[in-house]
Amino acid sequence: AGGGALCLGYAGCNFLRQRLVLATLSGRPLKIRKIRAKEEDPGLRDFEASFIRLIDKVTNGSRIEINQTGTSLYYQPGLLYGGSLEHECSPSRSIGYYLEGLLCLAPFMKHPLKIVLRGVTNDQVDPSVDVLKATALPLLKKFGIDGESLEIKINRRGMPPKGGGEIVFSCPVRKVLQPIQFTDPGKIKRIRGTAYSVRVSPQMANRMVESARSILNKFLPDIYIYTDHMKGASSGKSPGFGICLTAETINGTILSAELASNPQGQGAAVLPEELGQNCAKLLLEEVYRGGCVDSTNQSLALLLMTLGQRDVSKVLLGPLSPYTIEFLRHLRSFFQITFKMETKTPEEEHMGGEKVLMTCVGVGFSNLSKTIR
């Protein structure tokens, strides 16, 4: 694969992960020019270089060429290999940044992936490990990627700026994916969450729980927010606290929201009460936006639909994020696949904001790495 495939060319540093992930899955080489060429500090950032190294680790036979200034990148993907690995993530982005890429690739490895990632587990930029564990894993299960070995385990938390967290992500391999028909999110039946505190008073977690509950209890009784106070070595290198909330529906839709305190030495100190309340409000907003997949995982759902058997998949989403819209463009370039999109007004759906029904026929992607012996 990949030998005769046309090389795709892009300019600029945006959507680097999407492009690398889709190039790897489609076996198409990729050339990206003008990466921050005009800036004082040109070229790839340390977290992007770290992501490229990670892609190199999970594949076998990839060719990666970066020019001296780091402003241009050529990538010829190898085969997805997997196996037992470790990776030090750059602390300027959280582990979630790397994990989102791996979630797209892991089901298609030659050997089941089991990887230890070290760095920042929770920050204010990327989806936290907690949220991906609560939302992305159940989504993979809907596509038939399931089993004992599918898990995300948080061994240590690490807050920015210094990190020091550690997680283990393992995922089984699948030869084919099931198509999905996921168009009715269903009513919300319960709210779950985690309030964590590291290197600060354990009271912080309790205060966040109280304030989040004060808002959510008006809507439903079944709320359980777990407090997680990690001590000693497992609390990483920097102090901080935060909260992740998920709302689960009767049909297995999981919507999430999260907030973290400001990194040590940056911005004003945040009260745990404010954090708890604001996170509860964010969750209500996410519920209003709705859909069967929350905004964090829109592109993962669309990717798994694309790679399914030659069969129709449908999913109802809330408003598409800019990231998702760009992802749809990339899916068209890499896999020649287009989605049918139908807007559903709140009147038709009796709830929340506008929704989009996304339909596609899978490309019948067979796990290349599995067939070559």
Protein backbone atom coordinates (compact mmCIF):
# COMPACT_ATOMS: atom_id res chain seq x y z
CA ALA A 1 0.00 0.00 0.00
CA GLY A 2 1.03 3.61 -0.37
CA GLY A 3 3.56 2.99 -3.14
CA GLY A 4 1.37 4.32 -5.91
CA ALA A 5 -0.79 6.59 -3.81
CA LEU A 6 -0.76 10.28 -4.67
CA CYS A 7 0.98 12.54 -2.21
CA LEU A 8 -1.31 15.12 -0.60
CA GLY A 9 0.07 18.60 -0.05
CA TYR A 10 -0.91 21.13 2.60
CA ALA A 11 0.40 24.41 3.94
CA GLY A 12 0.47 25.63 7.53
CA CYS A 13 0.46 24.08 10.98
CA ASN A 14 -3.30 23.73 11.45
CA PHE A 15 -4.89 20.30 11.80
CA LEU A 16 -1.54 18.55 11.79
CA ARG A 17 -2.84 15.60 13.82
CA GLN A 18 -5.83 15.01 11.54
CA ARG A 19 -3.58 14.96 8.51
CA LEU A 20 -1.03 12.57 10.03
CA VAL A 21 -3.73 10.21 11.32
CA LEU A 22 -5.63 10.08 8.02
CA ALA A 23 -2.43 9.71 6.00
CA THR A 24 -1.49 6.73 8.20
CA LEU A 25 -4.89 5.05 7.81
CA SER A 26 -5.19 5.67 4.08
CA GLY A 27 -1.54 4.86 3.34
CA ARG A 28 -1.17 8.14 1.46
CA PRO A 29 2.04 10.17 1.72
CA LEU A 30 1.78 13.72 2.95
CA LYS A 31 3.75 16.90 2.43
CA ILE A 32 3.16 19.93 4.66
CA ARG A 33 4.93 23.19 3.85
CA LYS A 34 5.11 26.66 5.41
CA ILE A 35 4.75 25.48 9.00
CA ARG A 36 4.80 28.81 10.89
CA ALA A 37 7.27 30.03 8.26
CA LYS A 38 6.59 33.71 8.92
CA GLU A 39 6.87 33.59 12.70
CA GLU A 40 9.84 34.65 14.81
CA ASP A 41 10.07 31.10 16.08
CA PRO A 42 9.38 29.15 12.87
CA GLY A 43 8.58 25.48 12.38
CA LEU A 44 7.10 22.64 14.37
CA ARG A 45 6.46 23.09 18.10
CA ASP A 46 7.81 20.56 20.60
CA PHE A 47 4.36 19.01 21.13
CA GLU A 48 3.92 18.51 17.37
CA ALA A 49 7.37 16.93 17.07
CA SER A 50 6.40 14.69 20.00
CA PHE A 51 3.17 13.67 18.19
CA ILE A 52 5.18 12.84 15.04
CA ARG A 53 7.53 10.67 17.12
CA LEU A 54 4.51 8.91 18.58
CA ILE A 55 3.15 8.13 15.09
CA ASP A 56 6.60 6.82 14.19
CA LYS A 57 6.53 4.53 17.25
CA VAL A 58 3.15 2.93 16.51
CA THR A 59 3.99 2.33 12.82
CA ASN A 60 6.60 0.19 11.15
CA GLY A 61 8.53 1.52 8.14
CA SER A 62 7.31 5.12 8.17
CA ARG A 63 9.52 7.68 6.47
CA ILE A 64 9.57 11.11 8.05
CA GLU A 65 11.62 13.99 6.69
CA ILE A 66 11.70 17.40 8.35
CA ASN A 67 13.78 20.27 6.97
CA GLN A 68 16.27 22.13 9.16
CA THR A 69 13.97 24.95 10.19
CA GLY A 70 11.11 22.53 10.88
CA THR A 71 8.91 24.44 8.43
CA SER A 72 8.30 21.54 6.08
CA LEU A 73 7.44 17.91 6.73
CA TYR A 74 7.24 14.90 4.45
CA TYR A 75 5.58 11.76 5.79
CA GLN A 76 5.30 8.43 4.06
CA PRO A 77 3.23 6.19 6.32
CA GLY A 78 4.32 2.68 7.20
CA LEU A 79 2.07 -0.06 8.54
CA LEU A 80 0.30 0.32 11.87
CA TYR A 81 2.18 -2.05 14.10
CA GLY A 82 1.16 -1.46 17.72
CA GLY A 83 2.51 -3.62 20.53
CA SER A 84 3.74 -2.54 23.96
CA LEU A 85 5.10 1.00 23.94
CA GLU A 86 5.85 4.05 26.08
CA HIS A 87 5.87 7.72 25.15
CA GLU A 88 6.86 10.92 26.94
CA CYS A 89 4.33 13.55 25.86
CA SER A 90 5.48 17.15 25.67
CA PRO A 91 4.05 18.93 28.75
CA SER A 92 2.95 21.94 26.67
CA ARG A 93 -0.11 19.90 25.62
CA SER A 94 -1.93 17.32 27.67
CA ILE A 95 -1.88 13.56 27.15
CA GLY A 96 -5.38 13.99 25.67
CA TYR A 97 -3.82 15.66 22.61
CA TYR A 98 -1.85 12.48 21.90
CA LEU A 99 -4.56 10.07 23.02
CA GLU A 100 -7.12 11.54 20.61
CA GLY A 101 -4.81 10.59 17.75
CA LEU A 102 -4.20 7.11 19.15
CA LEU A 103 -7.92 6.43 19.62
CA CYS A 104 -8.30 6.83 15.84
CA LEU A 105 -5.45 4.44 15.05
CA ALA A 106 -5.48 1.82 17.80
CA PRO A 107 -8.23 -0.50 16.43
CA PHE A 108 -6.28 -0.95 13.17
CA MET A 109 -2.90 -2.11 14.48
CA LYS A 110 -1.24 -5.40 13.61
CA HIS A 111 -0.74 -6.16 17.32
CA PRO A 112 -3.03 -4.87 20.09
CA LEU A 113 -1.72 -1.56 21.39
CA LYS A 114 -0.74 -1.15 25.00
CA ILE A 115 0.94 2.18 25.59
CA VAL A 116 2.12 4.10 28.63
CA LEU A 117 1.82 7.88 28.11
CA ARG A 118 3.48 10.32 30.52
CA GLY A 119 2.85 14.04 30.87
CA VAL A 120 -0.06 16.32 31.73
CA THR A 121 -3.34 14.46 32.36
CA ASN A 122 -5.64 17.46 32.88
CA ASP A 123 -5.31 20.99 31.55
CA GLN A 124 -7.43 23.82 30.15
CA VAL A 125 -6.74 23.14 26.47
CA ASP A 126 -7.20 19.51 25.48
CA PRO A 127 -9.78 16.90 26.47
CA SER A 128 -8.58 15.28 29.68
CA VAL A 129 -7.83 11.62 30.06
CA ASP A 130 -10.93 11.40 32.31
CA VAL A 131 -13.26 12.72 29.61
CA LEU A 132 -11.80 10.49 26.90
CA LYS A 133 -12.12 7.50 29.21
CA ALA A 134 -15.76 8.34 29.94
CA THR A 135 -16.82 9.24 26.37
CA ALA A 136 -14.49 7.82 23.71
CA LEU A 137 -14.29 4.25 25.04
CA PRO A 138 -18.10 3.73 25.06
CA LEU A 139 -18.13 5.15 21.50
CA LEU A 140 -15.54 2.61 20.34
CA LYS A 141 -17.70 -0.14 21.86
CA LYS A 142 -20.64 0.93 19.69
CA PHE A 143 -18.53 0.13 16.63
CA GLY A 144 -17.70 -3.31 18.01
CA ILE A 145 -14.26 -2.39 19.35
CA ASP A 146 -14.69 -4.05 22.70
CA GLY A 147 -13.28 -6.49 25.17
CA GLU A 148 -11.31 -6.88 28.35
CA SER A 149 -8.31 -5.15 26.87
CA LEU A 150 -10.05 -1.86 26.02
CA GLU A 151 -9.14 0.53 28.82
CA ILE A 152 -7.62 3.80 29.93
CA LYS A 153 -6.06 3.65 33.35
CA ILE A 154 -4.84 6.73 35.21
CA ASN A 155 -1.84 5.78 37.34
CA ARG A 156 -0.81 9.32 38.22
CA ARG A 157 -2.27 12.71 37.63
CA GLY A 158 -0.13 15.52 36.28
CA MET A 159 -1.18 19.16 36.15
CA PRO A 160 0.53 21.82 34.02
CA PRO A 161 3.11 23.29 33.79
CA LYS A 162 5.28 20.38 34.91
CA GLY A 163 3.04 17.36 34.39
CA GLY A 164 4.30 14.13 35.87
CA GLY A 165 1.13 12.18 35.12
CA GLU A 166 1.00 8.67 33.71
CA ILE A 167 -1.73 6.69 31.99
CA VAL A 168 -2.00 3.33 30.26
CA PHE A 169 -4.14 2.97 27.14
CA SER A 170 -4.81 -0.46 25.69
CA CYS A 171 -7.07 -1.38 22.80
CA PRO A 172 -7.88 -4.62 20.96
CA VAL A 173 -7.58 -4.83 17.15
CA ARG A 174 -10.54 -5.36 14.86
CA LYS A 175 -10.59 -6.55 11.30
CA VAL A 176 -13.90 -4.88 10.50
CA LEU A 177 -16.09 -2.31 12.23
CA GLN A 178 -19.82 -2.50 12.72
CA PRO A 179 -21.90 0.17 11.01
CA ILE A 180 -23.97 2.24 13.47
CA GLN A 181 -27.46 3.70 13.50
CA PHE A 182 -27.29 6.15 16.35
CA THR A 183 -29.97 8.75 15.80
CA ASP A 184 -31.93 8.95 19.03
CA PRO A 185 -29.87 10.26 21.94
CA GLY A 186 -32.65 9.51 24.46
CA LYS A 187 -33.40 11.16 27.79
CA ILE A 188 -30.74 11.79 30.37
CA LYS A 189 -30.88 9.29 33.22
CA ARG A 190 -27.82 10.03 35.31
CA ILE A 191 -24.86 12.28 35.87
CA ARG A 192 -21.44 11.01 36.88
CA GLY A 193 -18.20 12.81 37.42
CA THR A 194 -14.80 13.08 39.00
CA ALA A 195 -13.53 15.99 41.07
CA TYR A 196 -9.78 15.68 41.50
CA SER A 197 -7.23 17.56 43.54
CA VAL A 198 -3.46 17.12 43.49
CA ARG A 199 -0.97 18.87 45.76
CA VAL A 200 -3.75 21.02 47.24
CA SER A 201 -6.17 20.40 50.12
CA PRO A 202 -8.52 17.43 49.52
CA GLN A 203 -11.32 19.84 50.58
CA MET A 204 -11.05 21.40 47.10
CA ALA A 205 -12.60 18.32 45.54
CA ASN A 206 -15.51 18.27 48.02
CA ARG A 207 -16.19 21.96 47.43
CA MET A 208 -16.37 21.42 43.66
CA VAL A 209 -18.75 18.49 44.13
CA GLU A 210 -21.09 20.49 46.39
CA SER A 211 -21.29 23.45 44.03
CA ALA A 212 -21.82 21.31 40.91
CA ARG A 213 -24.57 19.37 42.68
CA SER A 214 -26.30 22.57 43.79
CA ILE A 215 -27.06 23.25 40.12
CA LEU A 216 -27.55 19.74 38.74
CA ASN A 217 -29.83 18.50 41.53
CA LYS A 218 -32.57 20.76 40.17
CA PHE A 219 -32.73 18.55 37.09
CA LEU A 220 -32.37 14.98 38.23
CA PRO A 221 -31.66 12.99 41.39
CA ASP A 222 -29.21 10.38 40.13
CA ILE A 223 -25.91 12.23 40.49
CA TYR A 224 -22.68 10.76 41.73
CA ILE A 225 -19.46 12.73 41.58
CA TYR A 226 -16.46 10.79 42.71
CA THR A 227 -13.65 12.63 44.52
CA ASP A 228 -10.12 11.70 43.58
CA HIS A 229 -7.34 13.00 45.78
CA MET A 230 -4.02 11.57 44.65
CA LYS A 231 -1.15 11.71 47.13
CA GLY A 232 2.62 11.49 46.99
CA ALA A 233 4.25 10.33 43.78
CA SER A 234 0.93 9.81 42.03
CA SER A 235 0.06 13.51 42.30
CA GLY A 236 2.54 14.62 39.65
CA LYS A 237 4.76 17.68 39.84
CA SER A 238 2.40 20.67 39.92
CA PRO A 239 -0.56 21.60 42.13
CA GLY A 240 -4.09 21.95 40.75
CA PHE A 241 -7.66 20.74 40.81
CA GLY A 242 -10.55 20.29 38.44
CA ILE A 243 -13.78 18.52 37.65
CA CYS A 244 -15.12 16.38 34.80
CA LEU A 245 -18.85 15.70 34.48
CA THR A 246 -20.71 13.32 32.19
CA ALA A 247 -24.43 13.01 31.50
CA GLU A 248 -25.59 9.61 30.35
CA THR A 249 -28.85 8.89 28.52
CA ILE A 250 -31.08 5.82 28.45
CA ASN A 251 -29.71 5.04 24.96
CA GLY A 252 -26.08 5.18 25.98
CA THR A 253 -25.22 8.65 24.75
CA ILE A 254 -22.57 10.25 26.95
CA LEU A 255 -22.09 14.03 26.98
CA SER A 256 -19.25 15.63 28.87
CA ALA A 257 -17.91 18.89 30.27
CA GLU A 258 -14.80 19.70 32.28
CA LEU A 259 -12.81 22.52 33.83
CA ALA A 260 -9.38 22.74 35.45
CA SER A 261 -7.78 25.34 37.71
CA ASN A 262 -5.25 27.79 36.25
CA PRO A 263 -1.71 26.40 36.07
CA GLN A 264 0.53 27.44 38.95
CA GLY A 265 1.83 30.96 38.39
CA GLN A 266 -0.61 31.74 35.54
CA GLY A 267 -3.78 33.82 35.85
CA ALA A 268 -5.85 34.48 38.95
CA ALA A 269 -6.62 31.82 41.54
CA VAL A 270 -9.95 30.16 40.82
CA LEU A 271 -12.35 29.18 43.58
CA PRO A 272 -13.36 25.52 43.53
CA GLU A 273 -17.00 26.70 43.98
CA GLU A 274 -16.82 28.67 40.74
CA LEU A 275 -15.20 25.77 38.92
CA GLY A 276 -17.90 23.34 40.08
CA GLN A 277 -20.76 25.64 39.14
CA ASN A 278 -19.30 26.64 35.79
CA CYS A 279 -18.65 23.04 34.88
CA ALA A 280 -22.27 22.13 35.72
CA LYS A 281 -23.41 24.96 33.43
CA LEU A 282 -21.10 23.77 30.67
CA LEU A 283 -22.61 20.31 30.99
CA LEU A 284 -26.12 21.74 30.63
CA GLU A 285 -24.94 23.60 27.52
CA GLU A 286 -23.52 20.39 26.07
CA VAL A 287 -26.85 18.68 26.81
CA TYR A 288 -28.65 21.51 24.99
CA ARG A 289 -26.33 21.10 21.98
CA GLY A 290 -26.99 17.40 22.35
CA GLY A 291 -26.68 14.81 19.65
CA CYS A 292 -25.65 11.19 20.16
CA VAL A 293 -21.95 11.99 20.46
CA ASP A 294 -20.52 14.93 22.36
CA SER A 295 -18.50 17.62 20.62
CA THR A 296 -15.14 16.19 21.74
CA ASN A 297 -15.74 12.93 19.85
CA GLN A 298 -17.54 14.07 16.70
CA SER A 299 -14.55 13.44 14.45
CA LEU A 300 -13.81 10.03 16.02
CA ALA A 301 -17.39 8.93 15.32
CA LEU A 302 -17.24 10.16 11.71
CA LEU A 303 -13.91 8.41 11.16
CA LEU A 304 -15.19 5.07 12.45
CA MET A 305 -18.31 5.43 10.25
CA THR A 306 -16.05 6.11 7.25
CA LEU A 307 -13.90 3.06 7.93
CA GLY A 308 -16.88 0.75 8.42
CA GLN A 309 -18.09 -1.98 6.06
CA ARG A 310 -19.78 -0.92 2.85
CA ASP A 311 -22.97 -0.29 4.72
CA VAL A 312 -24.94 2.75 5.80
CA SER A 313 -24.08 4.42 9.10
CA LYS A 314 -26.06 7.27 10.62
CA VAL A 315 -25.40 9.45 13.61
CA LEU A 316 -27.19 12.51 14.99
CA LEU A 317 -24.79 15.24 16.12
CA GLY A 318 -25.18 18.63 17.76
CA PRO A 319 -23.73 21.66 15.92
CA LEU A 320 -20.47 20.66 14.21
CA SER A 321 -17.30 22.12 15.71
CA PRO A 322 -14.85 23.91 13.37
CA TYR A 323 -12.45 21.00 13.99
CA THR A 324 -15.10 18.53 12.78
CA ILE A 325 -15.87 20.58 9.66
CA GLU A 326 -12.19 20.53 8.71
CA PHE A 327 -12.09 16.81 9.47
CA LEU A 328 -14.93 16.19 6.98
CA ARG A 329 -12.91 18.02 4.31
CA HIS A 330 -9.89 15.87 5.11
CA LEU A 331 -11.96 12.66 4.99
CA ARG A 332 -12.99 13.62 1.48
CA SER A 333 -9.36 14.21 0.41
CA PHE A 334 -7.93 11.06 1.97
CA PHE A 335 -10.79 8.59 1.50
CA GLN A 336 -12.97 10.18 -1.22
CA ILE A 337 -15.93 9.93 1.09
CA THR A 338 -18.69 12.48 1.51
CA PHE A 339 -21.37 12.54 4.16
CA LYS A 340 -24.98 13.37 3.58
CA MET A 341 -25.87 16.11 6.08
CA GLU A 342 -29.44 16.97 7.06
CA THR A 343 -30.23 19.73 9.50
CA LYS A 344 -32.90 18.90 12.07
CA THR A 345 -34.63 21.82 13.73
CA PRO A 346 -35.40 21.70 17.47
CA GLU A 347 -39.14 21.45 16.62
CA GLU A 348 -38.66 18.17 14.78
CA GLU A 349 -36.48 16.76 17.52
CA HIS A 350 -38.37 18.31 20.48
CA MET A 351 -35.24 19.37 22.23
CA GLY A 352 -32.21 21.61 22.53
CA GLY A 353 -30.43 23.34 19.68
CA GLU A 354 -30.18 22.44 16.01
CA LYS A 355 -28.91 19.00 15.16
CA VAL A 356 -27.27 17.47 12.11
CA LEU A 357 -28.01 13.97 10.87
CA MET A 358 -24.83 12.59 9.30
CA THR A 359 -25.09 9.63 6.92
CA CYS A 360 -22.40 7.81 4.97
CA VAL A 361 -21.58 4.47 3.40
CA GLY A 362 -18.37 3.01 4.82
CA VAL A 363 -15.36 2.54 2.54
CA GLY A 364 -15.05 -1.11 3.57
CA PHE A 365 -11.66 -0.46 5.13
CA SER A 366 -10.01 -3.72 5.98
CA ASN A 367 -7.27 -3.65 8.53
CA LEU A 368 -4.25 -3.84 6.19
CA SER A 369 -1.88 -4.65 9.00
CA LYS A 370 -3.95 -7.73 9.89
CA THR A 371 -3.98 -9.28 6.42
CA ILE A 372 -0.24 -9.15 5.79
CA ARG A 373 1.44 -12.06 7.50
